[in-house]
Amino acid sequence: MRKRACLWLAGVALLVGALFLTDRLLRQPGLPEDNVRRLRPGMTLAEVEALLGGPAADTFEMPADYPAFRWQREWREGGDSVVVQFTADGKVMSAAGQGRPRSGPLARLRAWLGW
């Protein structure tokens, strides 16, 4: 019984690891909806740039005494845009926008196979 439980546990661990690896390998930088939803308060500018595929298209710097946020950066791709506001210490305060919808797994598989 104990051996069977260990095998089940190992199988589940391998399955979870494969799912995380697949998600990591299929993630594309840029403005797909998935990446926009991954933006969280407290992220650094470098983390946001890595997630969204590079530096922002526009940067607006607020006066030093502005109470809400210090920088506002906007990423644009096609007709989609995301606006991220940063605090004075360079952390994300808020993010707004909508990325392009991502196609389902079957559509991605067909595109990958060239069908």
N, C-alpha and C. Protein backbone atom coordinates (compact mmCIF):
# COMPACT_ATOMS: atom_id res chain seq x y z
N MET A 1 0.82 -1.20 0.00
CA MET A 1 0.00 0.00 0.00
C MET A 1 0.87 1.27 0.00
N ARG A 2 1.91 1.25 0.80
CA ARG A 2 2.76 2.42 0.90
C ARG A 2 3.48 2.71 -0.42
N LYS A 3 3.90 1.66 -1.10
CA LYS A 3 4.58 1.82 -2.38
C LYS A 3 3.63 2.43 -3.42
N ARG A 4 2.39 2.00 -3.41
CA ARG A 4 1.40 2.53 -4.35
C ARG A 4 1.14 4.02 -4.07
N ALA A 5 1.06 4.40 -2.83
CA ALA A 5 0.85 5.81 -2.48
C ALA A 5 2.03 6.67 -2.93
N CYS A 6 3.24 6.16 -2.77
CA CYS A 6 4.42 6.90 -3.22
C CYS A 6 4.42 7.06 -4.73
N LEU A 7 4.01 6.02 -5.44
CA LEU A 7 3.94 6.12 -6.89
C LEU A 7 2.90 7.13 -7.34
N TRP A 8 1.75 7.16 -6.67
CA TRP A 8 0.72 8.15 -6.99
C TRP A 8 1.23 9.56 -6.72
N LEU A 9 1.88 9.72 -5.60
CA LEU A 9 2.42 11.04 -5.24
C LEU A 9 3.46 11.49 -6.27
N ALA A 10 4.33 10.58 -6.68
CA ALA A 10 5.35 10.92 -7.69
C ALA A 10 4.69 11.27 -9.02
N GLY A 11 3.65 10.53 -9.39
CA GLY A 11 2.94 10.83 -10.63
C GLY A 11 2.28 12.19 -10.62
N VAL A 12 1.65 12.52 -9.51
CA VAL A 12 1.00 13.83 -9.38
C VAL A 12 2.05 14.94 -9.42
N ALA A 13 3.18 14.72 -8.74
CA ALA A 13 4.25 15.73 -8.74
C ALA A 13 4.79 15.94 -10.15
N LEU A 14 4.97 14.85 -10.90
CA LEU A 14 5.44 14.99 -12.28
C LEU A 14 4.43 15.72 -13.16
N LEU A 15 3.16 15.44 -12.97
CA LEU A 15 2.13 16.11 -13.74
C LEU A 15 2.10 17.61 -13.45
N VAL A 16 2.16 17.97 -12.18
CA VAL A 16 2.17 19.39 -11.80
C VAL A 16 3.41 20.08 -12.35
N GLY A 17 4.56 19.41 -12.25
CA GLY A 17 5.79 19.98 -12.80
C GLY A 17 5.71 20.19 -14.31
N ALA A 18 5.11 19.23 -15.01
CA ALA A 18 4.95 19.36 -16.46
C ALA A 18 4.03 20.52 -16.82
N LEU A 19 2.96 20.71 -16.05
CA LEU A 19 2.05 21.82 -16.31
C LEU A 19 2.74 23.16 -16.10
N PHE A 20 3.51 23.30 -15.02
CA PHE A 20 4.23 24.55 -14.78
C PHE A 20 5.27 24.80 -15.86
N LEU A 21 5.99 23.76 -16.27
CA LEU A 21 7.00 23.91 -17.31
C LEU A 21 6.36 24.31 -18.63
N THR A 22 5.25 23.69 -18.97
CA THR A 22 4.54 24.03 -20.21
C THR A 22 4.08 25.47 -20.20
N ASP A 23 3.53 25.91 -19.07
CA ASP A 23 3.08 27.30 -18.96
C ASP A 23 4.26 28.25 -19.13
N ARG A 24 5.38 27.92 -18.53
CA ARG A 24 6.56 28.78 -18.61
C ARG A 24 7.12 28.83 -20.04
N LEU A 25 7.12 27.70 -20.73
CA LEU A 25 7.68 27.66 -22.08
C LEU A 25 6.76 28.31 -23.11
N LEU A 26 5.45 28.23 -22.90
CA LEU A 26 4.51 28.79 -23.87
C LEU A 26 4.22 30.27 -23.64
N ARG A 27 4.64 30.81 -22.51
CA ARG A 27 4.39 32.22 -22.22
C ARG A 27 5.18 33.09 -23.17
N GLN A 28 4.50 34.03 -23.79
CA GLN A 28 5.14 34.94 -24.72
C GLN A 28 5.16 36.33 -24.12
N PRO A 29 6.30 37.04 -24.20
CA PRO A 29 6.30 38.42 -23.73
C PRO A 29 5.43 39.26 -24.66
N GLY A 30 4.95 40.34 -24.16
CA GLY A 30 4.08 41.22 -24.94
C GLY A 30 2.80 41.49 -24.18
N LEU A 31 1.76 41.79 -24.92
CA LEU A 31 0.51 42.18 -24.28
C LEU A 31 -0.62 41.16 -24.42
N PRO A 32 -0.36 39.87 -24.32
CA PRO A 32 -1.52 38.98 -24.26
C PRO A 32 -2.22 39.15 -22.93
N GLU A 33 -3.47 38.82 -22.92
CA GLU A 33 -4.31 38.98 -21.73
C GLU A 33 -3.70 38.30 -20.50
N ASP A 34 -3.08 37.14 -20.69
CA ASP A 34 -2.49 36.41 -19.56
C ASP A 34 -1.41 37.25 -18.86
N ASN A 35 -0.55 37.89 -19.64
CA ASN A 35 0.52 38.69 -19.04
C ASN A 35 -0.02 39.91 -18.32
N VAL A 36 -1.05 40.52 -18.85
CA VAL A 36 -1.63 41.70 -18.20
C VAL A 36 -2.22 41.30 -16.86
N ARG A 37 -2.84 40.12 -16.79
CA ARG A 37 -3.42 39.66 -15.53
C ARG A 37 -2.35 39.28 -14.50
N ARG A 38 -1.13 39.04 -14.93
CA ARG A 38 -0.05 38.69 -14.00
C ARG A 38 0.56 39.90 -13.30
N LEU A 39 0.23 41.10 -13.75
CA LEU A 39 0.77 42.32 -13.11
C LEU A 39 0.20 42.45 -11.71
N ARG A 40 1.07 42.64 -10.73
CA ARG A 40 0.65 42.74 -9.33
C ARG A 40 1.31 43.94 -8.66
N PRO A 41 0.63 44.56 -7.71
CA PRO A 41 1.27 45.63 -6.94
C PRO A 41 2.53 45.09 -6.25
N GLY A 42 3.56 45.92 -6.24
CA GLY A 42 4.82 45.54 -5.62
C GLY A 42 5.86 45.01 -6.59
N MET A 43 5.48 44.73 -7.84
CA MET A 43 6.45 44.28 -8.83
C MET A 43 7.39 45.43 -9.19
N THR A 44 8.61 45.11 -9.58
CA THR A 44 9.57 46.13 -9.98
C THR A 44 9.40 46.43 -11.47
N LEU A 45 10.01 47.51 -11.90
CA LEU A 45 9.96 47.89 -13.32
C LEU A 45 10.60 46.79 -14.18
N ALA A 46 11.70 46.21 -13.72
CA ALA A 46 12.36 45.15 -14.49
C ALA A 46 11.45 43.94 -14.67
N GLU A 47 10.70 43.58 -13.64
CA GLU A 47 9.77 42.45 -13.74
C GLU A 47 8.65 42.76 -14.73
N VAL A 48 8.15 43.98 -14.69
CA VAL A 48 7.08 44.37 -15.61
C VAL A 48 7.59 44.39 -17.05
N GLU A 49 8.79 44.92 -17.26
CA GLU A 49 9.35 44.97 -18.61
C GLU A 49 9.60 43.55 -19.15
N ALA A 50 10.05 42.65 -18.30
CA ALA A 50 10.26 41.27 -18.74
C ALA A 50 8.94 40.61 -19.11
N LEU A 51 7.91 40.90 -18.36
CA LEU A 51 6.60 40.30 -18.60
C LEU A 51 5.94 40.88 -19.84
N LEU A 52 6.06 42.19 -20.04
CA LEU A 52 5.38 42.85 -21.15
C LEU A 52 6.25 43.00 -22.40
N GLY A 53 7.45 42.49 -22.38
CA GLY A 53 8.25 42.42 -23.60
C GLY A 53 9.14 43.62 -23.88
N GLY A 54 9.52 44.38 -22.89
CA GLY A 54 10.46 45.48 -23.12
C GLY A 54 10.03 46.77 -22.48
N PRO A 55 10.75 47.85 -22.79
CA PRO A 55 10.44 49.14 -22.18
C PRO A 55 9.11 49.71 -22.67
N ALA A 56 8.57 50.60 -21.89
CA ALA A 56 7.28 51.22 -22.21
C ALA A 56 7.40 52.15 -23.40
N ALA A 57 6.27 52.33 -24.09
CA ALA A 57 6.24 53.25 -25.22
C ALA A 57 6.24 54.70 -24.74
N ASP A 58 5.55 54.98 -23.65
CA ASP A 58 5.47 56.33 -23.09
C ASP A 58 5.70 56.29 -21.59
N THR A 59 6.35 57.34 -21.09
CA THR A 59 6.58 57.49 -19.65
C THR A 59 6.19 58.90 -19.25
N PHE A 60 5.38 59.00 -18.22
CA PHE A 60 4.98 60.29 -17.69
C PHE A 60 5.49 60.38 -16.26
N GLU A 61 6.25 61.43 -15.96
CA GLU A 61 6.76 61.62 -14.62
C GLU A 61 5.94 62.70 -13.94
N MET A 62 5.45 62.38 -12.77
CA MET A 62 4.65 63.34 -12.00
C MET A 62 5.57 64.17 -11.12
N PRO A 63 5.11 65.34 -10.68
CA PRO A 63 5.93 66.15 -9.76
C PRO A 63 6.22 65.38 -8.47
N ALA A 64 7.33 65.70 -7.84
CA ALA A 64 7.76 64.98 -6.64
C ALA A 64 6.74 65.06 -5.51
N ASP A 65 5.95 66.14 -5.45
CA ASP A 65 4.98 66.28 -4.37
C ASP A 65 3.61 65.71 -4.73
N TYR A 66 3.50 65.05 -5.89
CA TYR A 66 2.22 64.45 -6.28
C TYR A 66 1.92 63.29 -5.34
N PRO A 67 0.75 63.27 -4.72
CA PRO A 67 0.50 62.30 -3.64
C PRO A 67 0.24 60.85 -4.09
N ALA A 68 -0.25 60.64 -5.30
CA ALA A 68 -0.70 59.30 -5.66
C ALA A 68 0.45 58.42 -6.19
N PHE A 69 1.03 58.78 -7.31
CA PHE A 69 2.08 57.94 -7.90
C PHE A 69 3.15 58.84 -8.49
N ARG A 70 4.30 58.23 -8.79
CA ARG A 70 5.45 59.02 -9.28
C ARG A 70 5.61 58.90 -10.79
N TRP A 71 5.47 57.70 -11.33
CA TRP A 71 5.61 57.48 -12.76
C TRP A 71 4.40 56.72 -13.29
N GLN A 72 4.08 57.02 -14.52
CA GLN A 72 3.05 56.25 -15.23
C GLN A 72 3.65 55.85 -16.56
N ARG A 73 3.64 54.57 -16.82
CA ARG A 73 4.21 54.07 -18.06
C ARG A 73 3.14 53.33 -18.84
N GLU A 74 3.21 53.47 -20.17
CA GLU A 74 2.20 52.86 -21.02
C GLU A 74 2.87 51.97 -22.06
N TRP A 75 2.42 50.73 -22.13
CA TRP A 75 2.87 49.79 -23.14
C TRP A 75 1.77 49.67 -24.18
N ARG A 76 2.14 49.72 -25.47
CA ARG A 76 1.17 49.59 -26.55
C ARG A 76 1.64 48.53 -27.54
N GLU A 77 0.68 47.80 -28.05
CA GLU A 77 0.97 46.79 -29.07
C GLU A 77 -0.29 46.64 -29.91
N GLY A 78 -0.21 47.02 -31.17
CA GLY A 78 -1.40 46.99 -32.01
C GLY A 78 -2.43 47.97 -31.45
N GLY A 79 -3.64 47.53 -31.23
CA GLY A 79 -4.67 48.37 -30.64
C GLY A 79 -4.80 48.22 -29.14
N ASP A 80 -3.94 47.40 -28.53
CA ASP A 80 -4.01 47.15 -27.09
C ASP A 80 -3.03 48.04 -26.35
N SER A 81 -3.40 48.42 -25.13
CA SER A 81 -2.49 49.21 -24.31
C SER A 81 -2.70 48.87 -22.84
N VAL A 82 -1.62 49.02 -22.08
CA VAL A 82 -1.64 48.79 -20.65
C VAL A 82 -0.94 49.96 -19.99
N VAL A 83 -1.56 50.53 -18.98
CA VAL A 83 -1.00 51.65 -18.22
C VAL A 83 -0.65 51.14 -16.83
N VAL A 84 0.61 51.35 -16.41
CA VAL A 84 1.07 50.90 -15.10
C VAL A 84 1.58 52.12 -14.35
N GLN A 85 1.13 52.27 -13.12
CA GLN A 85 1.56 53.39 -12.28
C GLN A 85 2.54 52.86 -11.23
N PHE A 86 3.64 53.61 -11.04
CA PHE A 86 4.71 53.21 -10.12
C PHE A 86 4.83 54.22 -8.99
N THR A 87 5.14 53.71 -7.80
CA THR A 87 5.38 54.58 -6.64
C THR A 87 6.79 55.16 -6.74
N ALA A 88 7.14 56.04 -5.80
CA ALA A 88 8.46 56.68 -5.81
C ALA A 88 9.59 55.68 -5.64
N ASP A 89 9.34 54.54 -4.98
CA ASP A 89 10.40 53.54 -4.80
C ASP A 89 10.48 52.54 -5.96
N GLY A 90 9.74 52.81 -7.04
CA GLY A 90 9.85 52.01 -8.25
C GLY A 90 9.03 50.74 -8.27
N LYS A 91 8.04 50.62 -7.41
CA LYS A 91 7.19 49.43 -7.36
C LYS A 91 5.84 49.74 -8.01
N VAL A 92 5.21 48.71 -8.57
CA VAL A 92 3.90 48.88 -9.20
C VAL A 92 2.88 49.22 -8.13
N MET A 93 2.11 50.29 -8.40
CA MET A 93 1.01 50.66 -7.52
C MET A 93 -0.30 50.11 -8.09
N SER A 94 -0.49 50.29 -9.41
CA SER A 94 -1.70 49.77 -10.05
C SER A 94 -1.43 49.59 -11.54
N ALA A 95 -2.27 48.78 -12.15
CA ALA A 95 -2.17 48.54 -13.60
C ALA A 95 -3.57 48.48 -14.16
N ALA A 96 -3.73 49.04 -15.35
CA ALA A 96 -5.04 49.03 -16.01
C ALA A 96 -4.83 48.83 -17.50
N GLY A 97 -5.76 48.15 -18.09
CA GLY A 97 -5.69 47.91 -19.52
C GLY A 97 -6.14 46.51 -19.84
N GLN A 98 -6.14 46.23 -21.10
CA GLN A 98 -6.58 44.91 -21.54
C GLN A 98 -5.68 44.48 -22.68
N GLY A 99 -5.10 43.32 -22.55
CA GLY A 99 -4.26 42.77 -23.60
C GLY A 99 -5.11 42.06 -24.63
N ARG A 100 -4.44 41.60 -25.66
CA ARG A 100 -5.16 40.87 -26.70
C ARG A 100 -5.58 39.50 -26.16
N PRO A 101 -6.77 39.06 -26.51
CA PRO A 101 -7.21 37.75 -26.02
C PRO A 101 -6.34 36.65 -26.62
N ARG A 102 -6.07 35.66 -25.84
CA ARG A 102 -5.23 34.56 -26.30
C ARG A 102 -6.13 33.45 -26.81
N SER A 103 -5.71 32.83 -27.88
CA SER A 103 -6.49 31.75 -28.44
C SER A 103 -6.38 30.52 -27.55
N GLY A 104 -7.30 29.61 -27.72
CA GLY A 104 -7.32 28.39 -26.92
C GLY A 104 -6.19 27.45 -27.29
N PRO A 105 -6.00 26.40 -26.50
CA PRO A 105 -4.89 25.48 -26.75
C PRO A 105 -5.00 24.76 -28.10
N LEU A 106 -6.21 24.42 -28.51
CA LEU A 106 -6.38 23.73 -29.79
C LEU A 106 -6.00 24.64 -30.96
N ALA A 107 -6.39 25.91 -30.89
CA ALA A 107 -6.04 26.86 -31.95
C ALA A 107 -4.53 27.10 -31.98
N ARG A 108 -3.88 27.16 -30.82
CA ARG A 108 -2.42 27.32 -30.78
C ARG A 108 -1.73 26.10 -31.37
N LEU A 109 -2.26 24.89 -31.08
CA LEU A 109 -1.67 23.68 -31.63
C LEU A 109 -1.79 23.66 -33.15
N ARG A 110 -2.96 24.05 -33.66
CA ARG A 110 -3.14 24.09 -35.12
C ARG A 110 -2.21 25.11 -35.75
N ALA A 111 -2.04 26.27 -35.12
CA ALA A 111 -1.12 27.28 -35.65
C ALA A 111 0.32 26.77 -35.64
N TRP A 112 0.68 26.07 -34.58
CA TRP A 112 2.03 25.54 -34.46
C TRP A 112 2.28 24.47 -35.53
N LEU A 113 1.26 23.65 -35.82
CA LEU A 113 1.40 22.61 -36.83
C LEU A 113 1.23 23.15 -38.25
N GLY A 114 0.75 24.39 -38.37
CA GLY A 114 0.58 25.01 -39.67
C GLY A 114 -0.71 24.58 -40.38
N TRP A 115 -1.71 24.18 -39.64
CA TRP A 115 -3.00 23.76 -40.22
C TRP A 115 -3.93 24.91 -40.32
